[in-house]
């Protein structure tokens, strides 16, 4: 999976929208969550702090980081670690 799948989102003529952020972050899995987090950071980096797309992206970035650590079940750690303690 490339981190540059849709370069048009980062072109000078495109204004990043909340829908762009939702589309990018929507169906994240633990395996790809950090890749998507990186894409979101690059996408909203030039936006001002009060931009709605940036604010949503910051929430999604936090969610993606948690997903990467805890997985889909939110349990953290592997099944083996839970069994063996």
PDB file of N, CA and C in Angstrom:
ATOM      1  N   UNK A   1       0.851  -1.167   0.000  1.00  0.00           N
ATOM      2  CA  UNK A   1       0.000   0.000   0.000  1.00  0.00           C
ATOM      3  C   UNK A   1       0.901   1.236   0.000  1.00  0.00           C
ATOM      4  N   UNK A   2       0.757   2.069  -0.967  1.00  0.00           N
ATOM      5  CA  UNK A   2       1.545   3.284  -1.068  1.00  0.00           C
ATOM      6  C   UNK A   2       0.992   4.355  -0.146  1.00  0.00           C
ATOM      7  N   UNK A   3       1.873   5.187   0.370  1.00  0.00           N
ATOM      8  CA  UNK A   3       1.418   6.303   1.185  1.00  0.00           C
ATOM      9  C   UNK A   3       1.050   7.497   0.314  1.00  0.00           C
ATOM     10  N   UNK A   4       1.131   7.349  -0.990  1.00  0.00           N
ATOM     11  CA  UNK A   4       0.806   8.435  -1.905  1.00  0.00           C
ATOM     12  C   UNK A   4      -0.229   7.974  -2.927  1.00  0.00           C
ATOM     13  N   UNK A   5      -1.305   7.352  -2.479  1.00  0.00           N
ATOM     14  CA  UNK A   5      -2.303   6.806  -3.384  1.00  0.00           C
ATOM     15  C   UNK A   5      -3.070   7.873  -4.147  1.00  0.00           C
ATOM     16  N   UNK A   6      -3.350   8.990  -3.536  1.00  0.00           N
ATOM     17  CA  UNK A   6      -4.137  10.037  -4.177  1.00  0.00           C
ATOM     18  C   UNK A   6      -3.401  11.372  -4.104  1.00  0.00           C
ATOM     19  N   UNK A   7      -2.413  11.565  -4.947  1.00  0.00           N
ATOM     20  CA  UNK A   7      -1.640  12.813  -4.902  1.00  0.00           C
ATOM     21  C   UNK A   7      -2.479  14.050  -5.168  1.00  0.00           C
ATOM     22  N   UNK A   8      -3.624  13.905  -5.819  1.00  0.00           N
ATOM     23  CA  UNK A   8      -4.485  15.067  -6.078  1.00  0.00           C
ATOM     24  C   UNK A   8      -4.957  15.722  -4.784  1.00  0.00           C
ATOM     25  N   UNK A   9      -5.049  14.950  -3.714  1.00  0.00           N
ATOM     26  CA  UNK A   9      -5.457  15.522  -2.430  1.00  0.00           C
ATOM     27  C   UNK A   9      -4.446  16.536  -1.912  1.00  0.00           C
ATOM     28  N   UNK A  10      -3.202  16.388  -2.323  1.00  0.00           N
ATOM     29  CA  UNK A  10      -2.159  17.280  -1.827  1.00  0.00           C
ATOM     30  C   UNK A  10      -1.747  18.333  -2.852  1.00  0.00           C
ATOM     31  N   UNK A  11      -2.474  18.424  -3.950  1.00  0.00           N
ATOM     32  CA  UNK A  11      -2.123  19.410  -4.969  1.00  0.00           C
ATOM     33  C   UNK A  11      -2.453  20.809  -4.480  1.00  0.00           C
ATOM     34  N   UNK A  12      -1.807  21.800  -5.069  1.00  0.00           N
ATOM     35  CA  UNK A  12      -1.995  23.190  -4.651  1.00  0.00           C
ATOM     36  C   UNK A  12      -3.428  23.681  -4.829  1.00  0.00           C
ATOM     37  N   UNK A  13      -4.133  23.174  -5.811  1.00  0.00           N
ATOM     38  CA  UNK A  13      -5.481  23.639  -6.084  1.00  0.00           C
ATOM     39  C   UNK A  13      -6.570  22.982  -5.255  1.00  0.00           C
ATOM     40  N   UNK A  14      -6.226  21.995  -4.452  1.00  0.00           N
ATOM     41  CA  UNK A  14      -7.240  21.262  -3.693  1.00  0.00           C
ATOM     42  C   UNK A  14      -7.292  21.753  -2.253  1.00  0.00           C
ATOM     43  N   UNK A  15      -8.492  22.100  -1.791  1.00  0.00           N
ATOM     44  CA  UNK A  15      -8.683  22.434  -0.378  1.00  0.00           C
ATOM     45  C   UNK A  15      -9.157  21.170   0.334  1.00  0.00           C
ATOM     46  N   UNK A  16      -8.425  20.749   1.330  1.00  0.00           N
ATOM     47  CA  UNK A  16      -8.745  19.535   2.070  1.00  0.00           C
ATOM     48  C   UNK A  16     -10.056  19.744   2.833  1.00  0.00           C
ATOM     49  N   UNK A  17     -10.946  18.760   2.713  1.00  0.00           N
ATOM     50  CA  UNK A  17     -12.243  18.846   3.367  1.00  0.00           C
ATOM     51  C   UNK A  17     -12.387  17.769   4.440  1.00  0.00           C
ATOM     52  N   UNK A  18     -13.412  17.932   5.248  1.00  0.00           N
ATOM     53  CA  UNK A  18     -13.746  16.930   6.261  1.00  0.00           C
ATOM     54  C   UNK A  18     -14.034  15.595   5.575  1.00  0.00           C
ATOM     55  N   UNK A  19     -14.691  15.640   4.426  1.00  0.00           N
ATOM     56  CA  UNK A  19     -14.983  14.400   3.695  1.00  0.00           C
ATOM     57  C   UNK A  19     -13.707  13.696   3.245  1.00  0.00           C
ATOM     58  N   UNK A  20     -12.682  14.453   2.864  1.00  0.00           N
ATOM     59  CA  UNK A  20     -11.395  13.855   2.495  1.00  0.00           C
ATOM     60  C   UNK A  20     -10.815  13.088   3.677  1.00  0.00           C
ATOM     61  N   UNK A  21     -10.884  13.688   4.849  1.00  0.00           N
ATOM     62  CA  UNK A  21     -10.353  13.056   6.063  1.00  0.00           C
ATOM     63  C   UNK A  21     -11.149  11.802   6.381  1.00  0.00           C
ATOM     64  N   UNK A  22     -12.472  11.905   6.321  1.00  0.00           N
ATOM     65  CA  UNK A  22     -13.322  10.738   6.614  1.00  0.00           C
ATOM     66  C   UNK A  22     -13.053   9.592   5.646  1.00  0.00           C
ATOM     67  N   UNK A  23     -12.915   9.929   4.377  1.00  0.00           N
ATOM     68  CA  UNK A  23     -12.669   8.897   3.374  1.00  0.00           C
ATOM     69  C   UNK A  23     -11.348   8.184   3.625  1.00  0.00           C
ATOM     70  N   UNK A  24     -10.343   8.937   3.990  1.00  0.00           N
ATOM     71  CA  UNK A  24      -9.022   8.351   4.209  1.00  0.00           C
ATOM     72  C   UNK A  24      -8.972   7.505   5.472  1.00  0.00           C
ATOM     73  N   UNK A  25      -9.599   7.968   6.542  1.00  0.00           N
ATOM     74  CA  UNK A  25      -9.481   7.293   7.837  1.00  0.00           C
ATOM     75  C   UNK A  25     -10.585   6.291   8.113  1.00  0.00           C
ATOM     76  N   UNK A  26     -11.624   6.301   7.348  1.00  0.00           N
ATOM     77  CA  UNK A  26     -12.830   5.541   7.656  1.00  0.00           C
ATOM     78  C   UNK A  26     -12.665   4.063   7.917  1.00  0.00           C
ATOM     79  N   UNK A  27     -12.090   3.342   7.014  1.00  0.00           N
ATOM     80  CA  UNK A  27     -12.060   1.883   7.128  1.00  0.00           C
ATOM     81  C   UNK A  27     -10.669   1.371   7.490  1.00  0.00           C
ATOM     82  N   UNK A  28     -10.073   1.965   8.485  1.00  0.00           N
ATOM     83  CA  UNK A  28      -8.717   1.577   8.889  1.00  0.00           C
ATOM     84  C   UNK A  28      -8.726   0.268   9.659  1.00  0.00           C
ATOM     85  N   UNK A  29      -7.696  -0.520   9.437  1.00  0.00           N
ATOM     86  CA  UNK A  29      -7.473  -1.742  10.210  1.00  0.00           C
ATOM     87  C   UNK A  29      -6.202  -1.539  11.030  1.00  0.00           C
ATOM     88  N   UNK A  30      -6.012  -2.329  12.066  1.00  0.00           N
ATOM     89  CA  UNK A  30      -4.794  -2.161  12.866  1.00  0.00           C
ATOM     90  C   UNK A  30      -3.519  -2.221  12.031  1.00  0.00           C
ATOM     91  N   UNK A  31      -3.496  -3.111  11.057  1.00  0.00           N
ATOM     92  CA  UNK A  31      -2.297  -3.305  10.246  1.00  0.00           C
ATOM     93  C   UNK A  31      -1.904  -2.039   9.475  1.00  0.00           C
ATOM     94  N   UNK A  32      -2.878  -1.312   8.956  1.00  0.00           N
ATOM     95  CA  UNK A  32      -2.591  -0.131   8.135  1.00  0.00           C
ATOM     96  C   UNK A  32      -2.818   1.190   8.864  1.00  0.00           C
ATOM     97  N   UNK A  33      -3.188   1.142  10.127  1.00  0.00           N
ATOM     98  CA  UNK A  33      -3.555   2.369  10.832  1.00  0.00           C
ATOM     99  C   UNK A  33      -2.422   3.396  10.894  1.00  0.00           C
ATOM    100  N   UNK A  34      -1.195   2.960  11.070  1.00  0.00           N
ATOM    101  CA  UNK A  34      -0.091   3.925  11.140  1.00  0.00           C
ATOM    102  C   UNK A  34       0.242   4.506   9.771  1.00  0.00           C
ATOM    103  N   UNK A  35       0.038   3.742   8.710  1.00  0.00           N
ATOM    104  CA  UNK A  35       0.223   4.279   7.357  1.00  0.00           C
ATOM    105  C   UNK A  35      -0.803   5.381   7.100  1.00  0.00           C
ATOM    106  N   UNK A  36      -2.032   5.109   7.487  1.00  0.00           N
ATOM    107  CA  UNK A  36      -3.096   6.095   7.288  1.00  0.00           C
ATOM    108  C   UNK A  36      -2.851   7.315   8.160  1.00  0.00           C
ATOM    109  N   UNK A  37      -2.390   7.098   9.377  1.00  0.00           N
ATOM    110  CA  UNK A  37      -2.056   8.227  10.253  1.00  0.00           C
ATOM    111  C   UNK A  37      -1.030   9.147   9.587  1.00  0.00           C
ATOM    112  N   UNK A  38      -0.009   8.555   8.976  1.00  0.00           N
ATOM    113  CA  UNK A  38       1.021   9.354   8.311  1.00  0.00           C
ATOM    114  C   UNK A  38       0.436  10.154   7.153  1.00  0.00           C
ATOM    115  N   UNK A  39      -0.450   9.533   6.398  1.00  0.00           N
ATOM    116  CA  UNK A  39      -1.089  10.230   5.277  1.00  0.00           C
ATOM    117  C   UNK A  39      -1.908  11.410   5.772  1.00  0.00           C
ATOM    118  N   UNK A  40      -2.655  11.179   6.841  1.00  0.00           N
ATOM    119  CA  UNK A  40      -3.464  12.270   7.397  1.00  0.00           C
ATOM    120  C   UNK A  40      -2.592  13.425   7.866  1.00  0.00           C
ATOM    121  N   UNK A  41      -1.516  13.112   8.544  1.00  0.00           N
ATOM    122  CA  UNK A  41      -0.621  14.178   9.023  1.00  0.00           C
ATOM    123  C   UNK A  41      -0.096  15.027   7.875  1.00  0.00           C
ATOM    124  N   UNK A  42       0.355  14.355   6.818  1.00  0.00           N
ATOM    125  CA  UNK A  42       0.867  15.093   5.655  1.00  0.00           C
ATOM    126  C   UNK A  42      -0.236  15.912   4.982  1.00  0.00           C
ATOM    127  N   UNK A  43      -1.424  15.346   4.935  1.00  0.00           N
ATOM    128  CA  UNK A  43      -2.535  15.999   4.263  1.00  0.00           C
ATOM    129  C   UNK A  43      -2.948  17.291   4.963  1.00  0.00           C
ATOM    130  N   UNK A  44      -2.994  17.275   6.282  1.00  0.00           N
ATOM    131  CA  UNK A  44      -3.506  18.443   7.008  1.00  0.00           C
ATOM    132  C   UNK A  44      -2.411  19.343   7.569  1.00  0.00           C
ATOM    133  N   UNK A  45      -1.178  18.971   7.392  1.00  0.00           N
ATOM    134  CA  UNK A  45      -0.074  19.770   7.932  1.00  0.00           C
ATOM    135  C   UNK A  45      -0.137  21.243   7.531  1.00  0.00           C
ATOM    136  N   UNK A  46      -0.454  21.568   6.277  1.00  0.00           N
ATOM    137  CA  UNK A  46      -0.488  22.989   5.910  1.00  0.00           C
ATOM    138  C   UNK A  46      -1.733  23.742   6.387  1.00  0.00           C
ATOM    139  N   UNK A  47      -2.718  23.046   6.918  1.00  0.00           N
ATOM    140  CA  UNK A  47      -3.960  23.701   7.329  1.00  0.00           C
ATOM    141  C   UNK A  47      -3.799  24.396   8.677  1.00  0.00           C
ATOM    142  N   UNK A  48      -4.520  25.497   8.878  1.00  0.00           N
ATOM    143  CA  UNK A  48      -4.477  26.169  10.178  1.00  0.00           C
ATOM    144  C   UNK A  48      -5.147  25.311  11.258  1.00  0.00           C
ATOM    145  N   UNK A  49      -4.808  25.562  12.509  1.00  0.00           N
ATOM    146  CA  UNK A  49      -5.309  24.755  13.627  1.00  0.00           C
ATOM    147  C   UNK A  49      -6.826  24.797  13.755  1.00  0.00           C
ATOM    148  N   UNK A  50      -7.461  25.877  13.305  1.00  0.00           N
ATOM    149  CA  UNK A  50      -8.910  25.987  13.450  1.00  0.00           C
ATOM    150  C   UNK A  50      -9.695  25.437  12.259  1.00  0.00           C
ATOM    151  N   UNK A  51      -9.012  24.873  11.295  1.00  0.00           N
ATOM    152  CA  UNK A  51      -9.689  24.294  10.129  1.00  0.00           C
ATOM    153  C   UNK A  51     -10.421  23.022  10.560  1.00  0.00           C
ATOM    154  N   UNK A  52     -11.707  22.874  10.182  1.00  0.00           N
ATOM    155  CA  UNK A  52     -12.467  21.679  10.586  1.00  0.00           C
ATOM    156  C   UNK A  52     -11.840  20.370  10.109  1.00  0.00           C
ATOM    157  N   UNK A  53     -11.263  20.354   8.927  1.00  0.00           N
ATOM    158  CA  UNK A  53     -10.628  19.136   8.426  1.00  0.00           C
ATOM    159  C   UNK A  53      -9.431  18.764   9.293  1.00  0.00           C
ATOM    160  N   UNK A  54      -8.663  19.767   9.696  1.00  0.00           N
ATOM    161  CA  UNK A  54      -7.499  19.477  10.556  1.00  0.00           C
ATOM    162  C   UNK A  54      -7.951  18.987  11.926  1.00  0.00           C
ATOM    163  N   UNK A  55      -8.978  19.607  12.474  1.00  0.00           N
ATOM    164  CA  UNK A  55      -9.466  19.185  13.787  1.00  0.00           C
ATOM    165  C   UNK A  55      -9.960  17.744  13.760  1.00  0.00           C
ATOM    166  N   UNK A  56     -10.696  17.383  12.714  1.00  0.00           N
ATOM    167  CA  UNK A  56     -11.151  16.001  12.589  1.00  0.00           C
ATOM    168  C   UNK A  56      -9.968  15.062  12.394  1.00  0.00           C
ATOM    169  N   UNK A  57      -9.004  15.467  11.582  1.00  0.00           N
ATOM    170  CA  UNK A  57      -7.828  14.633  11.339  1.00  0.00           C
ATOM    171  C   UNK A  57      -7.068  14.374  12.635  1.00  0.00           C
ATOM    172  N   UNK A  58      -6.966  15.358  13.490  1.00  0.00           N
ATOM    173  CA  UNK A  58      -6.261  15.160  14.757  1.00  0.00           C
ATOM    174  C   UNK A  58      -6.974  14.136  15.632  1.00  0.00           C
ATOM    175  N   UNK A  59      -8.304  14.157  15.622  1.00  0.00           N
ATOM    176  CA  UNK A  59      -9.067  13.139  16.354  1.00  0.00           C
ATOM    177  C   UNK A  59      -8.854  11.759  15.738  1.00  0.00           C
ATOM    178  N   UNK A  60      -8.872  11.700  14.421  1.00  0.00           N
ATOM    179  CA  UNK A  60      -8.673  10.430  13.729  1.00  0.00           C
ATOM    180  C   UNK A  60      -7.257   9.895  13.943  1.00  0.00           C
ATOM    181  N   UNK A  61      -6.276  10.783  13.977  1.00  0.00           N
ATOM    182  CA  UNK A  61      -4.897  10.361  14.220  1.00  0.00           C
ATOM    183  C   UNK A  61      -4.784   9.698  15.593  1.00  0.00           C
ATOM    184  N   UNK A  62      -5.409  10.287  16.591  1.00  0.00           N
ATOM    185  CA  UNK A  62      -5.396   9.686  17.930  1.00  0.00           C
ATOM    186  C   UNK A  62      -6.078   8.318  17.922  1.00  0.00           C
ATOM    187  N   UNK A  63      -7.207   8.214  17.197  1.00  0.00           N
ATOM    188  CA  UNK A  63      -7.918   6.944  17.103  1.00  0.00           C
ATOM    189  C   UNK A  63      -7.071   5.889  16.396  1.00  0.00           C
ATOM    190  N   UNK A  64      -6.394   6.295  15.328  1.00  0.00           N
ATOM    191  CA  UNK A  64      -5.559   5.359  14.575  1.00  0.00           C
ATOM    192  C   UNK A  64      -4.375   4.870  15.397  1.00  0.00           C
ATOM    193  N   UNK A  65      -3.787   5.754  16.187  1.00  0.00           N
ATOM    194  CA  UNK A  65      -2.677   5.342  17.051  1.00  0.00           C
ATOM    195  C   UNK A  65      -3.157   4.342  18.096  1.00  0.00           C
ATOM    196  N   UNK A  66      -4.346   4.569  18.636  1.00  0.00           N
ATOM    197  CA  UNK A  66      -4.904   3.636  19.607  1.00  0.00           C
ATOM    198  C   UNK A  66      -5.224   2.303  18.932  1.00  0.00           C
ATOM    199  N   UNK A  67      -5.765   2.351  17.736  1.00  0.00           N
ATOM    200  CA  UNK A  67      -6.079   1.138  16.988  1.00  0.00           C
ATOM    201  C   UNK A  67      -4.824   0.320  16.714  1.00  0.00           C
ATOM    202  N   UNK A  68      -3.726   0.989  16.407  1.00  0.00           N
ATOM    203  CA  UNK A  68      -2.468   0.294  16.123  1.00  0.00           C
ATOM    204  C   UNK A  68      -1.966  -0.458  17.352  1.00  0.00           C
ATOM    205  N   UNK A  69      -2.185   0.103  18.514  1.00  0.00           N
ATOM    206  CA  UNK A  69      -1.693  -0.509  19.751  1.00  0.00           C
ATOM    207  C   UNK A  69      -2.660  -1.562  20.286  1.00  0.00           C
ATOM    208  N   UNK A  70      -3.938  -1.229  20.291  1.00  0.00           N
ATOM    209  CA  UNK A  70      -4.919  -2.108  20.925  1.00  0.00           C
ATOM    210  C   UNK A  70      -5.558  -3.110  19.980  1.00  0.00           C
ATOM    211  N   UNK A  71      -5.491  -2.881  18.703  1.00  0.00           N
ATOM    212  CA  UNK A  71      -6.146  -3.777  17.757  1.00  0.00           C
ATOM    213  C   UNK A  71      -7.634  -3.518  17.695  1.00  0.00           C
ATOM    214  N   UNK A  72      -8.318  -4.311  16.911  1.00  0.00           N
ATOM    215  CA  UNK A  72      -9.751  -4.112  16.703  1.00  0.00           C
ATOM    216  C   UNK A  72     -10.577  -4.405  17.944  1.00  0.00           C
ATOM    217  N   UNK A  73     -10.120  -5.317  18.754  1.00  0.00           N
ATOM    218  CA  UNK A  73     -10.881  -5.688  19.947  1.00  0.00           C
ATOM    219  C   UNK A  73     -10.625  -4.741  21.112  1.00  0.00           C
ATOM    220  N   UNK A  74      -9.594  -3.917  20.998  1.00  0.00           N
ATOM    221  CA  UNK A  74      -9.285  -3.009  22.093  1.00  0.00           C
ATOM    222  C   UNK A  74      -8.701  -3.691  23.301  1.00  0.00           C
ATOM    223  N   UNK A  75      -8.087  -4.854  23.109  1.00  0.00           N
ATOM    224  CA  UNK A  75      -7.575  -5.608  24.244  1.00  0.00           C
ATOM    225  C   UNK A  75      -6.099  -5.372  24.491  1.00  0.00           C
ATOM    226  N   UNK A  76      -5.374  -4.968  23.475  1.00  0.00           N
ATOM    227  CA  UNK A  76      -3.937  -4.777  23.623  1.00  0.00           C
ATOM    228  C   UNK A  76      -3.231  -6.108  23.812  1.00  0.00           C
ATOM    229  N   UNK A  77      -2.070  -6.240  23.250  1.00  0.00           N
ATOM    230  CA  UNK A  77      -1.304  -7.472  23.400  1.00  0.00           C
ATOM    231  C   UNK A  77      -1.879  -8.608  22.583  1.00  0.00           C
ATOM    232  N   UNK A  78      -1.128  -9.677  22.508  1.00  0.00           N
ATOM    233  CA  UNK A  78      -1.562 -10.837  21.730  1.00  0.00           C
ATOM    234  C   UNK A  78      -2.357 -11.782  22.607  1.00  0.00           C
ATOM    235  N   UNK A  79      -3.020 -12.739  21.967  1.00  0.00           N
ATOM    236  CA  UNK A  79      -3.762 -13.757  22.716  1.00  0.00           C
ATOM    237  C   UNK A  79      -2.830 -14.539  23.619  1.00  0.00           C
ATOM    238  N   UNK A  80      -1.618 -14.819  23.148  1.00  0.00           N
ATOM    239  CA  UNK A  80      -0.646 -15.572  23.941  1.00  0.00           C
ATOM    240  C   UNK A  80      -0.280 -14.808  25.211  1.00  0.00           C
ATOM    241  N   UNK A  81      -0.079 -13.498  25.090  1.00  0.00           N
ATOM    242  CA  UNK A  81       0.265 -12.698  26.281  1.00  0.00           C
ATOM    243  C   UNK A  81      -0.868 -12.719  27.299  1.00  0.00           C
ATOM    244  N   UNK A  82      -2.107 -12.696  26.859  1.00  0.00           N
ATOM    245  CA  UNK A  82      -3.244 -12.715  27.765  1.00  0.00           C
ATOM    246  C   UNK A  82      -3.372 -14.058  28.468  1.00  0.00           C
ATOM    247  N   UNK A  83      -3.056 -15.138  27.771  1.00  0.00           N
ATOM    248  CA  UNK A  83      -3.175 -16.470  28.354  1.00  0.00           C
ATOM    249  C   UNK A  83      -2.061 -16.738  29.351  1.00  0.00           C
ATOM    250  N   UNK A  84      -0.832 -16.362  28.991  1.00  0.00           N
ATOM    251  CA  UNK A  84       0.326 -16.690  29.836  1.00  0.00           C
ATOM    252  C   UNK A  84       0.588 -15.627  30.900  1.00  0.00           C
ATOM    253  N   UNK A  85      -0.021 -14.434  30.760  1.00  0.00           N
ATOM    254  CA  UNK A  85       0.114 -13.376  31.746  1.00  0.00           C
ATOM    255  C   UNK A  85       1.470 -12.860  31.791  1.00  0.00           C
TER     256      UNK A  85
END
